[in-house]
């Protein structure tokens, strides 16, 4: 699998365009921040992958839009998980002249019934990785959310500053906001503050211009800190509509010191 290499010393990034347009590796001074993998690994289990045109779980792999009901593959049975683009091949669209940045695009895929595409710009500086993601409606209106799912090689502790989280029943939020519970978490929080944690000798922060973040710390593999434009199951809880040609976009920054 060919990788795109981006560099801004001491940071080196590899992007696996064919494996869902994900950041497959992020090293800073030789320290790997991400859980690394490859094509043989489950596509939800490694790197930092984009989520679109929805983020998190979608209840029962089904949604209704403009009077029609649509079924999706139950990638997290019985639900549909993390959108479609993390398993789609992405195509690089820039000329590669900038050693620290790459632009990519992909279609939302055959399992998504309403057309559209996603675009990314991934760039690195000596102190941060910046991921810009957009979902663009095609010639049909569509619901949309987006986010990122980075897996970090750490067990914490996690510094999460928030006053609200979504009440969760089973695997999905109810839509009701409640005071935050103590860890362990597989939960969606409302916050605009960075989420901080150590990775080896580095202090790492995940920030975004979104106001939702899912934190999952129930795996021995690492922790996931997932900025999102809305909660999991947003198509049912708080549907957002894109008219034909409209775009939804956001930025995630992973910084270190």
Protein backbone atom coordinates (compact mmCIF):
# COMPACT_ATOMS: atom_id res chain seq x y z
CA UNK A 1 0.00 0.00 0.00
CA UNK A 2 1.52 3.29 -1.11
CA UNK A 3 1.80 5.94 1.58
CA UNK A 4 1.97 9.71 1.30
CA UNK A 5 4.79 11.06 3.47
CA UNK A 6 4.55 14.53 5.00
CA UNK A 7 7.26 16.08 7.12
CA UNK A 8 7.96 19.14 9.27
CA UNK A 9 10.84 18.19 11.56
CA UNK A 10 10.59 16.72 14.15
CA UNK A 11 7.19 15.45 12.94
CA UNK A 12 6.70 12.82 10.22
CA UNK A 13 3.24 11.82 8.98
CA UNK A 14 2.17 9.02 6.66
CA UNK A 15 -1.23 9.13 4.97
CA UNK A 16 -2.81 5.91 3.69
CA UNK A 17 -4.94 7.32 0.89
CA UNK A 18 -6.17 3.93 -0.32
CA UNK A 19 -7.09 2.82 3.21
CA UNK A 20 -9.76 5.37 3.94
CA UNK A 21 -7.68 8.53 3.59
CA UNK A 22 -6.40 8.03 7.11
CA UNK A 23 -3.29 9.23 8.88
CA UNK A 24 -1.58 5.90 9.41
CA UNK A 25 1.37 7.14 11.46
CA UNK A 26 2.34 10.32 13.30
CA UNK A 27 5.80 10.36 14.86
CA UNK A 28 7.37 13.26 16.74
CA UNK A 29 11.06 12.92 17.43
CA UNK A 30 10.71 9.19 16.87
CA UNK A 31 7.75 8.82 19.26
CA UNK A 32 4.68 7.25 17.60
CA UNK A 33 1.46 8.94 18.74
CA UNK A 34 -1.02 6.70 16.92
CA UNK A 35 -1.99 3.05 16.99
CA UNK A 36 -0.52 1.82 13.71
CA UNK A 37 -1.87 -0.92 11.48
CA UNK A 38 -2.41 -1.79 7.86
CA UNK A 39 -4.80 -3.37 5.36
CA UNK A 40 -4.96 -6.61 7.37
CA UNK A 41 -6.24 -4.74 10.44
CA UNK A 42 -9.90 -3.91 11.02
CA UNK A 43 -10.44 -0.47 9.41
CA UNK A 44 -11.92 0.92 12.66
CA UNK A 45 -8.90 -0.11 14.75
CA UNK A 46 -5.91 1.98 13.67
CA UNK A 47 -4.59 5.37 12.69
CA UNK A 48 -6.71 8.50 12.55
CA UNK A 49 -9.53 8.15 10.06
CA UNK A 50 -12.13 10.62 8.79
CA UNK A 51 -15.82 10.02 9.47
CA UNK A 52 -18.43 11.20 6.94
CA UNK A 53 -21.25 11.62 6.02
CA UNK A 54 -22.07 10.71 9.61
CA UNK A 55 -19.95 10.17 12.73
CA UNK A 56 -20.28 7.47 15.35
CA UNK A 57 -23.11 4.95 15.39
CA UNK A 58 -26.33 5.35 13.39
CA UNK A 59 -29.18 3.51 15.07
CA UNK A 60 -30.19 0.24 13.40
CA UNK A 61 -28.30 1.23 10.23
CA UNK A 62 -31.36 3.12 9.00
CA UNK A 63 -32.47 6.72 8.58
CA UNK A 64 -35.38 8.64 7.10
CA UNK A 65 -34.88 11.70 4.93
CA UNK A 66 -37.39 13.67 2.88
CA UNK A 67 -40.02 10.98 3.36
CA UNK A 68 -37.87 8.06 2.22
CA UNK A 69 -36.29 5.37 4.41
CA UNK A 70 -32.71 4.30 3.68
CA UNK A 71 -30.86 1.20 4.92
CA UNK A 72 -27.07 1.08 5.30
CA UNK A 73 -24.64 -1.78 5.94
CA UNK A 74 -24.57 -2.60 9.69
CA UNK A 75 -20.84 -2.13 10.15
CA UNK A 76 -21.26 -2.05 13.96
CA UNK A 77 -24.20 -4.49 14.21
CA UNK A 78 -27.01 -3.72 14.55
CA UNK A 79 -25.92 -0.14 13.82
CA UNK A 80 -24.00 1.57 11.02
CA UNK A 81 -20.73 3.01 12.28
CA UNK A 82 -18.48 5.95 11.44
CA UNK A 83 -19.70 6.85 7.96
CA UNK A 84 -18.48 5.46 4.66
CA UNK A 85 -15.28 7.30 3.74
CA UNK A 86 -12.95 5.45 6.17
CA UNK A 87 -13.18 2.39 3.87
CA UNK A 88 -13.17 4.32 0.59
CA UNK A 89 -10.05 4.91 -1.53
CA UNK A 90 -9.06 8.58 -1.58
CA UNK A 91 -7.25 10.29 -4.44
CA UNK A 92 -4.56 12.92 -3.95
CA UNK A 93 -5.42 16.09 -5.85
CA UNK A 94 -2.45 18.40 -5.20
CA UNK A 95 0.88 18.29 -7.04
CA UNK A 96 2.92 17.21 -4.02
CA UNK A 97 5.06 20.36 -4.11
CA UNK A 98 4.44 21.12 -0.41
CA UNK A 99 6.33 18.53 1.68
CA UNK A 100 4.09 19.24 4.65
CA UNK A 101 0.58 19.05 3.15
CA UNK A 102 -1.68 16.93 0.95
CA UNK A 103 -5.18 17.40 -0.50
CA UNK A 104 -7.43 14.39 -1.06
CA UNK A 105 -10.94 13.64 -2.31
CA UNK A 106 -13.27 10.65 -2.41
CA UNK A 107 -16.84 9.80 -3.30
CA UNK A 108 -19.10 8.91 -0.42
CA UNK A 109 -19.34 5.45 -1.86
CA UNK A 110 -21.79 2.92 -3.27
CA UNK A 111 -23.34 2.16 0.13
CA UNK A 112 -24.39 5.82 0.56
CA UNK A 113 -27.61 6.40 -1.38
CA UNK A 114 -27.58 10.19 -1.84
CA UNK A 115 -24.36 10.96 -3.70
CA UNK A 116 -21.86 13.62 -2.71
CA UNK A 117 -18.16 13.60 -1.92
CA UNK A 118 -15.66 14.34 0.84
CA UNK A 119 -12.49 16.44 0.74
CA UNK A 120 -9.51 16.58 3.09
CA UNK A 121 -6.45 18.72 3.58
CA UNK A 122 -3.88 17.16 5.90
CA UNK A 123 -0.92 19.31 6.93
CA UNK A 124 1.84 19.14 9.50
CA UNK A 125 3.96 21.74 11.28
CA UNK A 126 6.77 21.17 13.80
CA UNK A 127 4.18 21.34 16.61
CA UNK A 128 0.84 20.17 15.17
CA UNK A 129 -1.08 18.02 12.72
CA UNK A 130 -4.01 19.91 11.13
CA UNK A 131 -6.82 17.91 9.51
CA UNK A 132 -9.47 19.79 7.53
CA UNK A 133 -12.46 17.74 6.39
CA UNK A 134 -15.51 18.66 4.32
CA UNK A 135 -18.55 16.77 3.06
CA UNK A 136 -20.24 18.21 -0.03
CA UNK A 137 -23.72 17.30 -1.22
CA UNK A 138 -24.07 16.32 -4.86
CA UNK A 139 -27.18 16.97 -6.94
CA UNK A 140 -29.45 15.71 -4.12
CA UNK A 141 -30.08 17.09 -0.66
CA UNK A 142 -28.75 14.90 2.15
CA UNK A 143 -28.25 14.74 5.90
CA UNK A 144 -24.63 15.11 7.05
CA UNK A 145 -22.24 15.13 9.98
CA UNK A 146 -18.49 14.58 10.06
CA UNK A 147 -15.63 13.94 12.45
CA UNK A 148 -12.36 12.11 13.05
CA UNK A 149 -11.45 8.92 14.90
CA UNK A 150 -7.80 9.04 16.00
CA UNK A 151 -6.44 6.16 18.07
CA UNK A 152 -3.66 7.23 20.44
CA UNK A 153 -0.99 5.00 21.95
CA UNK A 154 -1.72 5.86 25.56
CA UNK A 155 -3.81 4.82 28.53
CA UNK A 156 -4.14 8.39 29.79
CA UNK A 157 -4.86 10.01 32.14
CA UNK A 158 -7.26 12.14 30.12
CA UNK A 159 -7.80 15.81 30.95
CA UNK A 160 -11.35 16.46 29.71
CA UNK A 161 -12.95 19.78 30.64
CA UNK A 162 -16.70 19.81 30.14
CA UNK A 163 -19.93 20.43 32.01
CA UNK A 164 -22.18 18.29 29.83
CA UNK A 165 -22.31 14.85 28.28
CA UNK A 166 -25.04 12.93 26.48
CA UNK A 167 -26.97 10.43 28.52
CA UNK A 168 -26.32 7.02 26.99
CA UNK A 169 -28.52 3.93 27.03
CA UNK A 170 -26.66 0.93 25.68
CA UNK A 171 -24.39 2.12 22.89
CA UNK A 172 -26.29 5.25 21.84
CA UNK A 173 -27.08 8.66 23.30
CA UNK A 174 -30.65 9.54 24.14
CA UNK A 175 -30.29 13.23 23.24
CA UNK A 176 -30.58 14.32 26.87
CA UNK A 177 -27.64 16.28 28.31
CA UNK A 178 -26.47 15.39 31.82
CA UNK A 179 -23.48 16.21 34.07
CA UNK A 180 -20.34 14.30 33.06
CA UNK A 181 -19.78 10.89 34.61
CA UNK A 182 -16.37 9.60 35.71
CA UNK A 183 -14.42 7.28 33.38
CA UNK A 184 -14.33 4.75 31.84
CA UNK A 185 -16.02 6.38 28.86
CA UNK A 186 -17.60 5.52 25.56
CA UNK A 187 -19.48 8.78 25.56
CA UNK A 188 -20.14 12.03 23.74
CA UNK A 189 -19.33 15.29 25.51
CA UNK A 190 -20.17 18.90 24.69
CA UNK A 191 -17.05 21.05 24.90
CA UNK A 192 -14.88 23.45 22.94
CA UNK A 193 -11.87 22.85 25.22
CA UNK A 194 -8.90 20.74 24.08
CA UNK A 195 -8.68 17.18 25.37
CA UNK A 196 -5.20 16.50 26.81
CA UNK A 197 -3.24 13.36 27.68
CA UNK A 198 0.35 12.08 27.62
CA UNK A 199 1.86 9.90 24.91
CA UNK A 200 5.27 8.80 26.12
CA UNK A 201 7.26 11.96 26.95
CA UNK A 202 4.87 14.23 25.02
CA UNK A 203 1.90 16.24 26.23
CA UNK A 204 -0.72 15.89 23.46
CA UNK A 205 -3.85 17.99 22.92
CA UNK A 206 -6.75 17.37 20.54
CA UNK A 207 -8.73 20.49 19.66
CA UNK A 208 -11.35 21.30 17.06
CA UNK A 209 -13.76 23.97 15.88
CA UNK A 210 -16.57 21.47 16.58
CA UNK A 211 -18.36 21.41 19.94
CA UNK A 212 -18.78 17.63 20.35
CA UNK A 213 -16.17 15.01 21.19
CA UNK A 214 -16.51 11.28 21.80
CA UNK A 215 -13.95 9.74 24.16
CA UNK A 216 -13.45 5.97 24.30
CA UNK A 217 -10.97 4.61 26.84
CA UNK A 218 -12.23 1.04 27.12
CA UNK A 219 -9.65 -0.63 24.88
CA UNK A 220 -6.24 -2.03 25.77
CA UNK A 221 -5.14 -0.81 22.33
CA UNK A 222 -5.21 2.87 23.26
CA UNK A 223 -7.71 5.69 23.60
CA UNK A 224 -9.86 7.36 20.95
CA UNK A 225 -10.60 11.10 21.12
CA UNK A 226 -13.07 11.91 18.35
CA UNK A 227 -14.09 15.50 17.52
CA UNK A 228 -17.47 15.57 15.74
CA UNK A 229 -19.87 18.18 14.39
CA UNK A 230 -22.76 16.44 16.20
CA UNK A 231 -23.48 13.49 18.49
CA UNK A 232 -23.59 9.86 17.45
CA UNK A 233 -26.97 9.02 15.89
CA UNK A 234 -27.34 12.68 14.90
CA UNK A 235 -29.52 11.78 11.91
CA UNK A 236 -32.19 10.85 14.47
CA UNK A 237 -31.36 13.20 17.36
CA UNK A 238 -30.48 16.46 15.60
CA UNK A 239 -30.59 16.07 11.81
CA UNK A 240 -28.60 18.56 9.75
CA UNK A 241 -29.63 19.13 6.12
CA UNK A 242 -27.35 19.96 3.21
CA UNK A 243 -29.01 21.34 0.09
CA UNK A 244 -27.54 20.28 -3.28
CA UNK A 245 -24.00 21.64 -3.53
CA UNK A 246 -23.83 22.70 0.13
CA UNK A 247 -20.81 21.77 2.23
CA UNK A 248 -20.17 21.04 5.89
CA UNK A 249 -16.58 21.47 7.03
CA UNK A 250 -14.51 21.42 10.21
CA UNK A 251 -10.91 21.25 11.43
CA UNK A 252 -9.17 19.05 13.99
CA UNK A 253 -5.72 19.88 15.37
CA UNK A 254 -3.46 17.42 17.20
CA UNK A 255 -0.68 19.36 18.91
CA UNK A 256 2.21 18.33 21.16
CA UNK A 257 4.86 19.76 23.41
